[in-house]
Amino acid sequence: MKEKFNVDAPKPVIYGLLRKMEYFGFITSKWDVEGGGPARRVYKITEEGLEYLNSSLKSLRDAKKVIDLILAEDEKGGWLMDAIEAVDLQKKFGNVTAVNSVSFKVKEGEIFGFLGPNGAGKTTTIRMLTGLLKPDRGYAMIMGYNVIDEPIKAKMLVGVVPEEANPYPDLSSWDNLVLVGRLYGLSGRDIKDRASKMLKLLGLYDIMDRKAKNLSKGQRQKLLVAMALINNPKVLFLDEPTGGLDVLSARMIRELILELREMV
C-alpha cells in the first residue's frame, strides 16, 4: 500500500482507503445490525494498522478523525449497507435456465419488486436469496451476510411470506405466532409483546383466538405477514402477497407494505 491518508480528502476517497486497509488486514470491521437502527460498519484497527497509520499520519488523533468521518456519514445514511445484494445469480433445472445472471442491490427501507410472467424466475430468485436454493453460480448477501456461507445469521434477519403457504389451520392466530416465535428462539416476553403488536397492527387482535381455518383469505394473508414479522426482521420477502385476493384485501396488503416501510 503506497497511499498516504489525507484527513481532508473527500469522504468516499477516505472510505476507499479504509476498505483497502481492511483488505490488507490493517482494519477489521463488522456490520452493526443490533438495536433496530441503521446498519453500519464498526471499525477496529489492528496492531499492524496502528503501525501503518503511525507512518502515514501525523498522529493517532488524525487516524481516529478518519474513522469518525466514516461513522458520522453512516449515521446520516450516506453509506448504509445494502439490505440485499445479489451478484450474478444463476440457477438451472436440467436443461432449463430458470435464473440467468441476475444482479441487483436493495437499500435498507427500500421497496423492491420483481415483475415478470409466470416462469420468469421470480420465485426461484427469492428462494436463492432466502437460502432455500443454492445458486449454481453467483452469491447473495443479506445485511452483509453471505446466505450460503453464513445461513443462520442471514436467515435470522429475514421474514418470508411464500407464494403458496398457509398458517397452521387448527391453531389460532395467537398460537401460530407463538409457534413461529419459539422457532426463532425468542423469549416468552418477546413473543407476547411482538405478537400483540403485530396482531394490533394488522387488525387481527380482536380475533386472535379464532382458528386459522376459520379466517377469511385476506385475514390468513395478514396472519402470514404477522408470522413473517414476529422476529423483527431487517428484510421482508413477500412472494405475490396479493395473489388470489379480492381488490379490497389486495389494497389493504399494499397499504400495509407502505406502512411497514415507514416504520424502518
Protein backbone atom coordinates (compact mmCIF):
# COMPACT_ATOMS: atom_id res chain seq x y z
CA MET A 1 0.00 0.00 0.00
CA LYS A 2 1.62 3.20 -1.18
CA GLU A 3 -1.29 5.55 -0.49
CA LYS A 4 -0.97 8.04 2.33
CA PHE A 5 -4.01 9.16 4.25
CA ASN A 6 -5.16 12.73 3.78
CA VAL A 7 -7.56 13.63 6.56
CA ASP A 8 -9.12 16.39 4.44
CA ALA A 9 -9.70 14.15 1.41
CA PRO A 10 -13.29 13.61 0.17
CA LYS A 11 -15.09 11.07 2.32
CA PRO A 12 -15.57 8.50 -0.45
CA VAL A 13 -11.80 8.56 -1.01
CA ILE A 14 -11.15 8.00 2.69
CA TYR A 15 -13.72 5.22 2.73
CA GLY A 16 -11.98 3.52 -0.18
CA LEU A 17 -8.65 3.69 1.62
CA LEU A 18 -10.20 2.24 4.76
CA ARG A 19 -11.63 -0.66 2.76
CA LYS A 20 -8.19 -1.23 1.24
CA MET A 21 -6.67 -1.23 4.73
CA GLU A 22 -9.26 -3.80 5.72
CA TYR A 23 -8.32 -5.94 2.73
CA PHE A 24 -4.70 -5.94 3.91
CA GLY A 25 -5.76 -6.82 7.46
CA PHE A 26 -4.88 -3.45 8.97
CA ILE A 27 -8.50 -2.86 9.94
CA THR A 28 -11.22 -5.32 10.94
CA SER A 29 -14.88 -4.45 10.75
CA LYS A 30 -18.30 -5.89 11.34
CA TRP A 31 -21.81 -4.79 10.49
CA ASP A 32 -23.74 -3.39 13.44
CA VAL A 33 -27.31 -4.66 12.95
CA GLU A 34 -28.48 -4.57 16.56
CA GLY A 35 -30.89 -2.20 18.20
CA GLY A 36 -33.16 -1.63 15.25
CA GLY A 37 -31.18 1.33 13.94
CA PRO A 38 -29.47 1.79 10.57
CA ALA A 39 -26.90 -0.87 9.86
CA ARG A 40 -23.36 0.45 9.61
CA ARG A 41 -19.79 -0.74 9.68
CA VAL A 42 -17.94 -0.66 13.00
CA TYR A 43 -14.17 -0.48 12.59
CA LYS A 44 -11.33 -1.74 14.76
CA ILE A 45 -7.71 -1.03 13.96
CA THR A 46 -5.28 -3.94 14.32
CA GLU A 47 -1.77 -3.58 15.72
CA GLU A 48 -0.43 -3.71 12.15
CA GLY A 49 -2.91 -1.00 11.25
CA LEU A 50 -1.74 1.24 14.08
CA GLU A 51 1.83 0.83 12.88
CA TYR A 52 0.79 1.70 9.33
CA LEU A 53 -1.19 4.75 10.44
CA ASN A 54 1.73 5.90 12.56
CA SER A 55 3.84 6.01 9.42
CA SER A 56 1.10 7.59 7.30
CA LEU A 57 -0.44 10.20 9.60
CA LYS A 58 0.93 12.81 11.92
CA SER A 59 -0.85 11.38 14.96
CA LEU A 60 -3.30 8.74 16.15
CA ARG A 61 -5.75 11.60 16.64
CA ASP A 62 -5.75 12.03 12.86
CA ALA A 63 -6.39 8.29 12.46
CA LYS A 64 -9.36 8.50 14.78
CA LYS A 65 -10.63 11.50 12.84
CA VAL A 66 -10.59 9.49 9.63
CA ILE A 67 -12.70 6.70 11.12
CA ASP A 68 -15.06 9.13 12.86
CA LEU A 69 -15.76 10.73 9.49
CA ILE A 70 -16.90 7.39 8.13
CA LEU A 71 -19.12 6.58 11.10
CA ALA A 72 -20.67 10.05 11.01
CA GLU A 73 -21.50 9.55 7.34
CA ASP A 74 -23.05 6.16 8.18
CA GLU A 75 -25.33 7.73 10.79
CA LYS A 76 -26.59 10.21 8.18
CA GLY A 77 -27.41 7.35 5.86
CA GLY A 78 -24.66 8.14 3.41
CA TRP A 79 -23.21 4.65 3.47
CA LEU A 80 -25.99 2.42 4.71
CA MET A 81 -25.34 -1.20 3.91
CA ASP A 82 -27.31 -2.93 1.23
CA ALA A 83 -30.14 -4.92 2.77
CA ILE A 84 -29.95 -7.32 -0.19
CA GLU A 85 -27.16 -7.83 -2.68
CA ALA A 86 -27.47 -10.37 -5.49
CA VAL A 87 -24.41 -10.95 -7.65
CA ASP A 88 -24.57 -12.93 -10.90
CA LEU A 89 -27.16 -15.41 -9.60
CA GLN A 90 -27.80 -18.36 -11.88
CA LYS A 91 -29.94 -21.47 -11.41
CA LYS A 92 -30.63 -24.31 -13.81
CA PHE A 93 -33.03 -27.23 -13.56
CA GLY A 94 -31.76 -29.78 -16.02
CA ASN A 95 -31.50 -28.01 -19.37
CA VAL A 96 -33.80 -25.19 -18.29
CA THR A 97 -32.19 -21.96 -17.08
CA ALA A 98 -34.60 -20.55 -14.52
CA VAL A 99 -32.42 -17.61 -13.46
CA ASN A 100 -29.66 -16.25 -15.65
CA SER A 101 -27.03 -13.82 -14.29
CA VAL A 102 -29.28 -11.74 -12.03
CA SER A 103 -27.57 -8.93 -10.13
CA PHE A 104 -29.11 -6.10 -8.09
CA LYS A 105 -28.95 -4.26 -4.77
CA VAL A 106 -31.70 -3.17 -2.40
CA LYS A 107 -31.09 -0.50 0.23
CA GLU A 108 -32.50 -0.67 3.74
CA GLY A 109 -36.02 0.77 3.76
CA GLU A 110 -36.44 0.36 0.01
CA ILE A 111 -39.42 -1.42 -1.54
CA PHE A 112 -38.17 -3.51 -4.45
CA GLY A 113 -40.37 -5.61 -6.71
CA PHE A 114 -39.91 -8.28 -9.36
CA LEU A 115 -42.17 -8.00 -12.39
CA GLY A 116 -42.49 -10.76 -14.96
CA PRO A 117 -44.70 -13.50 -16.37
CA ASN A 118 -45.07 -16.95 -14.86
CA GLY A 119 -41.86 -18.91 -15.22
CA ALA A 120 -39.64 -15.82 -15.36
CA GLY A 121 -37.68 -16.98 -12.28
CA LYS A 122 -39.06 -14.61 -9.65
CA THR A 123 -39.79 -17.26 -7.03
CA THR A 124 -36.56 -19.13 -7.79
CA THR A 125 -34.61 -15.93 -7.20
CA ILE A 126 -36.36 -15.36 -3.88
CA ARG A 127 -35.58 -18.92 -2.84
CA MET A 128 -31.90 -18.34 -3.56
CA LEU A 129 -31.96 -15.05 -1.66
CA THR A 130 -33.51 -16.72 1.38
CA GLY A 131 -31.21 -19.74 1.33
CA LEU A 132 -33.76 -22.33 0.25
CA LEU A 133 -31.92 -22.96 -3.02
CA LYS A 134 -28.19 -22.92 -3.63
CA PRO A 135 -27.28 -20.96 -6.76
CA ASP A 136 -25.27 -22.70 -9.45
CA ARG A 137 -23.28 -19.51 -9.82
CA GLY A 138 -23.03 -16.20 -8.01
CA TYR A 139 -23.95 -15.36 -4.45
CA ALA A 140 -26.43 -13.41 -2.32
CA MET A 141 -25.89 -11.23 0.74
CA ILE A 142 -28.47 -10.32 3.39
CA MET A 143 -27.44 -7.37 5.58
CA GLY A 144 -23.80 -8.15 4.94
CA TYR A 145 -24.05 -11.93 5.50
CA ASN A 146 -23.46 -14.42 2.71
CA VAL A 147 -26.58 -16.59 2.50
CA ILE A 148 -24.57 -19.73 1.73
CA ASP A 149 -21.55 -19.19 4.00
CA GLU A 150 -23.48 -17.81 7.00
CA PRO A 151 -27.03 -19.14 6.54
CA ILE A 152 -28.15 -18.95 10.16
CA LYS A 153 -27.09 -15.32 10.62
CA ALA A 154 -28.70 -14.36 7.32
CA LYS A 155 -31.95 -16.22 7.97
CA MET A 156 -32.34 -14.72 11.44
CA LEU A 157 -32.58 -11.32 9.76
CA VAL A 158 -35.32 -12.13 7.27
CA GLY A 159 -39.04 -12.77 7.27
CA VAL A 160 -40.67 -14.63 4.40
CA VAL A 161 -44.24 -14.86 3.10
CA PRO A 162 -44.00 -17.63 0.45
CA GLU A 163 -46.13 -17.73 -2.68
CA GLU A 164 -48.02 -20.81 -1.52
CA ALA A 165 -48.31 -21.03 2.26
CA ASN A 166 -50.93 -21.26 4.95
CA PRO A 167 -50.84 -20.86 8.71
CA TYR A 168 -51.46 -24.00 10.71
CA PRO A 169 -55.26 -24.39 10.28
CA ASP A 170 -56.08 -25.86 13.68
CA LEU A 171 -54.09 -23.27 15.60
CA SER A 172 -55.41 -19.82 16.48
CA SER A 173 -53.79 -16.68 15.14
CA TRP A 174 -52.10 -16.21 18.50
CA ASP A 175 -50.81 -19.78 18.67
CA ASN A 176 -49.42 -19.56 15.13
CA LEU A 177 -47.38 -16.53 16.15
CA VAL A 178 -46.21 -18.16 19.37
CA LEU A 179 -45.06 -21.23 17.44
CA VAL A 180 -43.03 -19.20 14.95
CA GLY A 181 -41.58 -17.08 17.75
CA ARG A 182 -40.37 -20.20 19.53
CA LEU A 183 -38.79 -21.49 16.32
CA TYR A 184 -36.78 -18.26 16.19
CA GLY A 185 -35.72 -18.77 19.81
CA LEU A 186 -37.49 -15.68 21.15
CA SER A 187 -38.21 -15.35 24.85
CA GLY A 188 -41.75 -15.70 26.14
CA ARG A 189 -41.93 -11.99 26.89
CA ASP A 190 -40.69 -11.01 23.43
CA ILE A 191 -43.18 -13.35 21.79
CA LYS A 192 -46.06 -11.89 23.79
CA ASP A 193 -45.04 -8.29 23.09
CA ARG A 194 -44.36 -8.78 19.38
CA ALA A 195 -47.41 -10.97 18.76
CA SER A 196 -49.69 -8.40 20.38
CA LYS A 197 -48.08 -5.60 18.37
CA MET A 198 -48.39 -7.43 15.06
CA LEU A 199 -51.99 -8.50 15.64
CA LYS A 200 -52.99 -4.94 16.51
CA LEU A 201 -51.11 -3.53 13.52
CA LEU A 202 -52.82 -5.98 11.16
CA GLY A 203 -56.29 -5.70 12.64
CA LEU A 204 -56.37 -9.27 13.94
CA TYR A 205 -56.14 -8.62 17.67
CA ASP A 206 -59.85 -8.99 18.35
CA ILE A 207 -59.95 -12.40 16.61
CA MET A 208 -56.64 -13.74 17.92
CA ASP A 209 -58.35 -16.85 19.35
CA ARG A 210 -60.06 -17.78 16.10
CA LYS A 211 -58.57 -20.81 14.37
CA ALA A 212 -56.74 -20.05 11.15
CA LYS A 213 -59.04 -22.32 9.15
CA ASN A 214 -61.94 -20.07 10.08
CA LEU A 215 -60.29 -16.89 8.85
CA SER A 216 -61.03 -15.29 5.51
CA LYS A 217 -58.35 -15.46 2.83
CA GLY A 218 -57.40 -11.85 3.43
CA GLN A 219 -57.15 -12.45 7.17
CA ARG A 220 -54.99 -15.53 6.61
CA GLN A 221 -52.69 -13.50 4.37
CA LYS A 222 -52.36 -10.83 7.06
CA LEU A 223 -51.60 -13.57 9.60
CA LEU A 224 -48.83 -14.88 7.35
CA VAL A 225 -47.37 -11.37 7.24
CA ALA A 226 -47.54 -11.21 11.04
CA MET A 227 -45.76 -14.58 11.29
CA ALA A 228 -43.03 -13.27 8.97
CA LEU A 229 -42.61 -10.18 11.16
CA ILE A 230 -42.55 -11.87 14.57
CA ASN A 231 -38.73 -11.97 14.68
CA ASN A 232 -38.49 -8.24 13.83
CA PRO A 233 -36.67 -8.95 10.56
CA LYS A 234 -34.43 -6.47 8.79
CA VAL A 235 -35.59 -7.77 5.40
CA LEU A 236 -39.11 -8.94 4.48
CA PHE A 237 -39.70 -11.10 1.40
CA LEU A 238 -43.24 -11.21 0.00
CA ASP A 239 -43.83 -13.62 -2.87
CA GLU A 240 -47.03 -12.50 -4.63
CA PRO A 241 -48.67 -11.38 -1.37
CA THR A 242 -51.85 -10.20 -3.11
CA GLY A 243 -52.30 -13.24 -5.37
CA GLY A 244 -55.87 -14.54 -5.28
CA LEU A 245 -57.12 -11.74 -3.04
CA ASP A 246 -60.10 -9.52 -3.78
CA VAL A 247 -59.49 -5.90 -4.68
CA LEU A 248 -60.11 -4.57 -1.16
CA SER A 249 -57.81 -7.13 0.52
CA ALA A 250 -55.09 -6.58 -2.09
CA ARG A 251 -55.23 -2.84 -1.47
CA MET A 252 -55.01 -3.45 2.27
CA ILE A 253 -51.84 -5.54 1.83
CA ARG A 254 -50.24 -2.84 -0.35
CA GLU A 255 -51.08 -0.18 2.23
CA LEU A 256 -49.60 -2.39 4.93
CA ILE A 257 -46.32 -2.69 2.98
CA LEU A 258 -46.10 1.10 2.74
CA GLU A 259 -46.84 1.42 6.46
CA LEU A 260 -44.11 -1.09 7.31
CA ARG A 261 -41.63 0.85 5.19
CA GLU A 262 -42.36 4.00 7.21
CA MET A 263 -41.53 2.07 10.39
CA VAL A 264 -37.95 1.33 9.22
